């Protein structure tokens, strides 16, 4: 349990494995949806997030804007930017493809208030 949410251990293991395989296969672009409070405590997807960021692949991390500062403190060597705020401008999603190589980008999840 994380707050009101039940987290599937098998789901986390599956997602971490998928991220690891993408990194090992040197995919051009890996999307991690989403880094939340669980990951910022070092659990959940965080081992896979760290692996992806340490690799040469391009990574897009989805994070609520309220957690952007905590993510920045956890990874001070990266500059996090808001690429799109889907609660305000869903038409900006196409701009995600314009991310610079190795720049970690974030957008605000539409479930911000949950």
N, C-alpha and C. Protein backbone atom coordinates (compact mmCIF):
# COMPACT_ATOMS: atom_id res chain seq x y z
N UNK A 1 0.84 -1.19 0.00
CA UNK A 1 0.00 0.00 0.00
C UNK A 1 0.88 1.25 0.00
N UNK A 2 0.52 2.20 -0.82
CA UNK A 2 1.14 3.52 -0.83
C UNK A 2 -0.02 4.49 -0.80
N UNK A 3 -0.25 5.08 0.37
CA UNK A 3 -1.41 5.95 0.53
C UNK A 3 -2.67 5.15 0.29
N UNK A 4 -3.50 5.60 -0.63
CA UNK A 4 -4.74 4.91 -0.98
C UNK A 4 -4.55 3.87 -2.08
N UNK A 5 -3.32 3.66 -2.53
CA UNK A 5 -3.06 2.81 -3.68
C UNK A 5 -2.41 1.50 -3.27
N UNK A 6 -2.80 0.43 -3.93
CA UNK A 6 -2.15 -0.86 -3.77
C UNK A 6 -1.23 -1.04 -4.97
N UNK A 7 0.02 -1.32 -4.70
CA UNK A 7 1.02 -1.47 -5.75
C UNK A 7 1.30 -2.96 -5.95
N UNK A 8 1.24 -3.40 -7.19
CA UNK A 8 1.52 -4.79 -7.51
C UNK A 8 3.03 -5.02 -7.59
N UNK A 9 3.53 -5.90 -6.75
CA UNK A 9 4.95 -6.25 -6.79
C UNK A 9 5.31 -6.82 -8.16
N UNK A 10 4.45 -7.68 -8.69
CA UNK A 10 4.70 -8.26 -10.01
C UNK A 10 4.70 -7.19 -11.09
N UNK A 11 3.84 -6.19 -10.95
CA UNK A 11 3.79 -5.09 -11.91
C UNK A 11 5.07 -4.28 -11.89
N UNK A 12 5.57 -4.00 -10.69
CA UNK A 12 6.83 -3.26 -10.55
C UNK A 12 7.98 -4.05 -11.16
N UNK A 13 8.05 -5.35 -10.86
CA UNK A 13 9.10 -6.19 -11.42
C UNK A 13 9.02 -6.24 -12.94
N UNK A 14 7.81 -6.33 -13.47
CA UNK A 14 7.62 -6.34 -14.92
C UNK A 14 8.11 -5.03 -15.54
N UNK A 15 7.70 -3.91 -14.95
CA UNK A 15 8.09 -2.59 -15.48
C UNK A 15 9.60 -2.39 -15.39
N UNK A 16 10.20 -2.77 -14.27
CA UNK A 16 11.66 -2.64 -14.13
C UNK A 16 12.37 -3.48 -15.18
N UNK A 17 11.87 -4.70 -15.40
CA UNK A 17 12.46 -5.57 -16.42
C UNK A 17 12.34 -4.98 -17.81
N UNK A 18 11.19 -4.38 -18.11
CA UNK A 18 10.99 -3.76 -19.43
C UNK A 18 11.95 -2.60 -19.64
N UNK A 19 12.13 -1.79 -18.61
CA UNK A 19 13.07 -0.65 -18.71
C UNK A 19 14.49 -1.17 -18.88
N UNK A 20 14.85 -2.19 -18.11
CA UNK A 20 16.20 -2.76 -18.22
C UNK A 20 16.44 -3.32 -19.62
N UNK A 21 15.47 -4.04 -20.17
CA UNK A 21 15.62 -4.58 -21.53
C UNK A 21 15.75 -3.46 -22.56
N UNK A 22 14.99 -2.39 -22.39
CA UNK A 22 15.07 -1.26 -23.32
C UNK A 22 16.45 -0.62 -23.28
N UNK A 23 17.00 -0.48 -22.07
CA UNK A 23 18.33 0.10 -21.91
C UNK A 23 19.38 -0.82 -22.53
N UNK A 24 19.29 -2.11 -22.21
CA UNK A 24 20.27 -3.07 -22.75
C UNK A 24 20.19 -3.16 -24.27
N UNK A 25 19.01 -2.97 -24.83
CA UNK A 25 18.83 -3.00 -26.29
C UNK A 25 19.18 -1.67 -26.93
N UNK A 26 19.53 -0.70 -26.10
CA UNK A 26 19.91 0.64 -26.56
C UNK A 26 18.81 1.27 -27.42
N UNK A 27 17.59 1.20 -26.92
CA UNK A 27 16.49 1.86 -27.61
C UNK A 27 16.81 3.34 -27.73
N UNK A 28 16.27 3.98 -28.75
CA UNK A 28 16.51 5.41 -28.95
C UNK A 28 15.87 6.26 -27.86
N UNK A 29 14.75 5.77 -27.32
CA UNK A 29 13.96 6.61 -26.43
C UNK A 29 13.23 5.71 -25.43
N UNK A 30 13.36 5.99 -24.15
CA UNK A 30 12.68 5.22 -23.11
C UNK A 30 11.80 6.18 -22.30
N UNK A 31 10.53 5.81 -22.15
CA UNK A 31 9.59 6.61 -21.37
C UNK A 31 9.30 5.87 -20.07
N UNK A 32 9.44 6.58 -18.97
CA UNK A 32 9.15 6.01 -17.66
C UNK A 32 7.97 6.79 -17.08
N UNK A 33 6.85 6.09 -16.94
CA UNK A 33 5.60 6.72 -16.49
C UNK A 33 5.08 5.94 -15.29
N UNK A 34 5.23 6.40 -14.14
CA UNK A 34 5.68 7.70 -13.71
C UNK A 34 6.57 7.53 -12.50
N UNK A 35 7.37 8.52 -12.19
CA UNK A 35 8.15 8.56 -10.96
C UNK A 35 7.31 9.32 -9.94
N UNK A 36 7.02 8.66 -8.85
CA UNK A 36 6.18 9.26 -7.82
C UNK A 36 6.80 9.14 -6.45
N UNK A 37 6.01 9.32 -5.41
CA UNK A 37 6.52 9.26 -4.04
C UNK A 37 7.23 7.96 -3.71
N UNK A 38 6.73 6.84 -4.21
CA UNK A 38 7.37 5.54 -3.96
C UNK A 38 8.80 5.53 -4.48
N UNK A 39 8.97 6.00 -5.71
CA UNK A 39 10.31 6.03 -6.32
C UNK A 39 11.22 7.02 -5.61
N UNK A 40 10.67 8.14 -5.19
CA UNK A 40 11.49 9.15 -4.51
C UNK A 40 11.95 8.69 -3.13
N UNK A 41 11.35 7.59 -2.65
CA UNK A 41 11.81 6.95 -1.41
C UNK A 41 12.79 5.81 -1.72
N UNK A 42 13.17 5.68 -3.00
CA UNK A 42 14.13 4.66 -3.40
C UNK A 42 13.52 3.32 -3.72
N UNK A 43 12.21 3.25 -3.81
CA UNK A 43 11.54 1.97 -4.05
C UNK A 43 10.87 1.98 -5.43
N UNK A 44 10.04 0.98 -5.68
CA UNK A 44 9.30 0.93 -6.94
C UNK A 44 10.22 0.86 -8.14
N UNK A 45 10.04 1.77 -9.07
CA UNK A 45 10.81 1.80 -10.32
C UNK A 45 12.19 2.45 -10.18
N UNK A 46 12.53 2.95 -8.99
CA UNK A 46 13.77 3.74 -8.88
C UNK A 46 15.03 3.02 -9.35
N UNK A 47 15.22 1.72 -9.07
CA UNK A 47 16.44 1.08 -9.61
C UNK A 47 16.49 1.15 -11.14
N UNK A 48 15.36 0.98 -11.80
CA UNK A 48 15.32 1.05 -13.25
C UNK A 48 15.50 2.49 -13.74
N UNK A 49 14.97 3.45 -13.02
CA UNK A 49 15.15 4.87 -13.36
C UNK A 49 16.64 5.20 -13.30
N UNK A 50 17.30 4.79 -12.24
CA UNK A 50 18.74 5.06 -12.09
C UNK A 50 19.53 4.39 -13.21
N UNK A 51 19.17 3.16 -13.54
CA UNK A 51 19.84 2.45 -14.63
C UNK A 51 19.67 3.19 -15.95
N UNK A 52 18.44 3.61 -16.24
CA UNK A 52 18.17 4.31 -17.50
C UNK A 52 18.93 5.64 -17.57
N UNK A 53 18.93 6.39 -16.47
CA UNK A 53 19.62 7.68 -16.49
C UNK A 53 21.14 7.53 -16.62
N UNK A 54 21.67 6.43 -16.12
CA UNK A 54 23.12 6.19 -16.22
C UNK A 54 23.53 5.65 -17.58
N UNK A 55 22.56 5.33 -18.42
CA UNK A 55 22.83 4.74 -19.73
C UNK A 55 22.88 5.82 -20.81
N UNK A 56 23.28 5.41 -22.02
CA UNK A 56 23.31 6.39 -23.12
C UNK A 56 21.96 6.62 -23.80
N UNK A 57 20.89 5.96 -23.36
CA UNK A 57 19.59 6.14 -24.02
C UNK A 57 18.96 7.47 -23.63
N UNK A 58 18.08 7.98 -24.48
CA UNK A 58 17.31 9.17 -24.17
C UNK A 58 16.15 8.75 -23.28
N UNK A 59 15.90 9.52 -22.23
CA UNK A 59 14.89 9.15 -21.25
C UNK A 59 13.90 10.30 -21.05
N UNK A 60 12.63 9.94 -21.07
CA UNK A 60 11.56 10.87 -20.73
C UNK A 60 10.92 10.34 -19.46
N UNK A 61 10.92 11.14 -18.41
CA UNK A 61 10.34 10.74 -17.14
C UNK A 61 9.07 11.54 -16.90
N UNK A 62 7.99 10.84 -16.63
CA UNK A 62 6.73 11.49 -16.29
C UNK A 62 6.72 11.67 -14.77
N UNK A 63 6.45 12.90 -14.34
CA UNK A 63 6.39 13.21 -12.92
C UNK A 63 5.42 14.36 -12.71
N UNK A 64 4.70 14.31 -11.62
CA UNK A 64 3.81 15.44 -11.30
C UNK A 64 4.67 16.67 -11.01
N UNK A 65 4.19 17.82 -11.41
CA UNK A 65 4.97 19.04 -11.20
C UNK A 65 5.25 19.27 -9.72
N UNK A 66 4.38 18.81 -8.84
CA UNK A 66 4.61 18.99 -7.41
C UNK A 66 5.80 18.17 -6.91
N UNK A 67 6.25 17.18 -7.68
CA UNK A 67 7.38 16.34 -7.29
C UNK A 67 8.66 16.66 -8.07
N UNK A 68 8.58 17.62 -8.98
CA UNK A 68 9.74 17.95 -9.81
C UNK A 68 10.95 18.36 -8.97
N UNK A 69 10.73 19.17 -7.94
CA UNK A 69 11.83 19.60 -7.08
C UNK A 69 12.49 18.44 -6.36
N UNK A 70 11.70 17.51 -5.86
CA UNK A 70 12.25 16.34 -5.17
C UNK A 70 13.06 15.48 -6.14
N UNK A 71 12.56 15.34 -7.38
CA UNK A 71 13.29 14.58 -8.38
C UNK A 71 14.60 15.27 -8.72
N UNK A 72 14.56 16.59 -8.82
CA UNK A 72 15.78 17.37 -9.11
C UNK A 72 16.81 17.20 -8.00
N UNK A 73 16.35 17.20 -6.75
CA UNK A 73 17.28 17.00 -5.62
C UNK A 73 17.87 15.60 -5.64
N UNK A 74 17.10 14.62 -6.07
CA UNK A 74 17.58 13.24 -6.12
C UNK A 74 18.61 13.05 -7.24
N UNK A 75 18.44 13.78 -8.33
CA UNK A 75 19.35 13.70 -9.48
C UNK A 75 19.86 15.09 -9.84
N UNK A 76 20.72 15.68 -9.00
CA UNK A 76 21.16 17.06 -9.25
C UNK A 76 22.00 17.22 -10.52
N UNK A 77 22.51 16.12 -11.06
CA UNK A 77 23.35 16.21 -12.26
C UNK A 77 22.55 16.40 -13.54
N UNK A 78 21.21 16.33 -13.44
CA UNK A 78 20.34 16.52 -14.59
C UNK A 78 19.51 17.77 -14.43
N UNK A 79 19.16 18.36 -15.56
CA UNK A 79 18.24 19.50 -15.54
C UNK A 79 16.88 19.00 -16.00
N UNK A 80 15.90 19.13 -15.13
CA UNK A 80 14.55 18.69 -15.45
C UNK A 80 13.74 19.88 -15.94
N UNK A 81 13.01 19.67 -17.01
CA UNK A 81 12.18 20.73 -17.57
C UNK A 81 10.77 20.19 -17.79
N UNK A 82 9.80 21.06 -17.73
CA UNK A 82 8.43 20.68 -18.04
C UNK A 82 8.26 20.80 -19.54
N UNK A 83 7.98 19.69 -20.18
CA UNK A 83 7.80 19.66 -21.62
C UNK A 83 6.35 19.95 -21.95
N UNK A 84 5.44 19.36 -21.19
CA UNK A 84 4.02 19.58 -21.43
C UNK A 84 3.27 19.40 -20.13
N UNK A 85 2.33 20.26 -19.89
CA UNK A 85 1.42 20.15 -18.75
C UNK A 85 0.09 19.70 -19.34
N UNK A 86 -0.18 18.42 -19.27
CA UNK A 86 -1.36 17.87 -19.94
C UNK A 86 -2.67 18.32 -19.31
N UNK A 87 -2.60 18.90 -18.14
CA UNK A 87 -3.83 19.43 -17.54
C UNK A 87 -4.17 20.79 -18.13
N UNK A 88 -3.21 21.44 -18.77
CA UNK A 88 -3.42 22.77 -19.32
C UNK A 88 -3.43 22.80 -20.84
N UNK A 89 -2.55 22.01 -21.47
CA UNK A 89 -2.40 22.12 -22.91
C UNK A 89 -2.08 20.77 -23.55
N UNK A 90 -3.06 19.88 -23.65
CA UNK A 90 -2.79 18.57 -24.23
C UNK A 90 -2.26 18.61 -25.65
N UNK A 91 -2.46 19.69 -26.37
CA UNK A 91 -1.96 19.77 -27.75
C UNK A 91 -0.44 19.85 -27.78
N UNK A 92 0.21 20.13 -26.66
CA UNK A 92 1.67 20.24 -26.62
C UNK A 92 2.37 18.89 -26.60
N UNK A 93 1.64 17.80 -26.54
CA UNK A 93 2.26 16.48 -26.45
C UNK A 93 3.18 16.23 -27.63
N UNK A 94 2.87 16.73 -28.81
CA UNK A 94 3.71 16.50 -29.97
C UNK A 94 5.11 17.10 -29.80
N UNK A 95 5.25 18.06 -28.92
CA UNK A 95 6.55 18.69 -28.69
C UNK A 95 7.50 17.77 -27.94
N UNK A 96 6.99 16.67 -27.37
CA UNK A 96 7.85 15.74 -26.64
C UNK A 96 8.97 15.20 -27.52
N UNK A 97 8.70 15.06 -28.81
CA UNK A 97 9.70 14.53 -29.73
C UNK A 97 10.86 15.50 -29.93
N UNK A 98 10.73 16.74 -29.48
CA UNK A 98 11.78 17.74 -29.66
C UNK A 98 12.80 17.76 -28.53
N UNK A 99 12.71 16.82 -27.59
CA UNK A 99 13.64 16.79 -26.45
C UNK A 99 15.07 16.61 -26.94
N UNK A 100 16.00 17.28 -26.30
CA UNK A 100 17.41 17.12 -26.64
C UNK A 100 17.92 15.79 -26.10
N UNK A 101 18.92 15.27 -26.75
CA UNK A 101 19.52 14.03 -26.31
C UNK A 101 20.03 14.16 -24.88
N UNK A 102 19.72 13.15 -24.06
CA UNK A 102 20.14 13.04 -22.66
C UNK A 102 19.51 14.09 -21.76
N UNK A 103 18.60 14.88 -22.26
CA UNK A 103 17.89 15.81 -21.40
C UNK A 103 16.68 15.08 -20.83
N UNK A 104 16.53 15.14 -19.55
CA UNK A 104 15.42 14.46 -18.91
C UNK A 104 14.26 15.43 -18.84
N UNK A 105 13.12 15.03 -19.35
CA UNK A 105 11.96 15.91 -19.41
C UNK A 105 10.84 15.36 -18.54
N UNK A 106 9.99 16.26 -18.11
CA UNK A 106 8.87 15.86 -17.27
C UNK A 106 7.61 16.53 -17.75
N UNK A 107 6.47 15.97 -17.41
CA UNK A 107 5.22 16.68 -17.59
C UNK A 107 4.33 16.37 -16.42
N UNK A 108 3.39 17.25 -16.20
CA UNK A 108 2.48 17.09 -15.07
C UNK A 108 1.42 16.07 -15.41
N UNK A 109 1.26 15.10 -14.55
CA UNK A 109 0.25 14.07 -14.74
C UNK A 109 -1.13 14.66 -14.58
N UNK A 110 -2.09 14.23 -15.40
CA UNK A 110 -3.45 14.74 -15.26
C UNK A 110 -4.11 14.32 -13.95
N UNK A 111 -3.48 13.43 -13.19
CA UNK A 111 -4.03 12.98 -11.91
C UNK A 111 -3.39 13.74 -10.75
N UNK A 112 -2.93 14.95 -11.00
CA UNK A 112 -2.25 15.76 -9.99
C UNK A 112 -3.03 15.83 -8.67
N UNK A 113 -4.31 15.95 -8.73
CA UNK A 113 -5.10 16.13 -7.51
C UNK A 113 -5.41 14.83 -6.79
N UNK A 114 -5.04 13.69 -7.31
CA UNK A 114 -5.38 12.40 -6.70
C UNK A 114 -4.52 12.09 -5.49
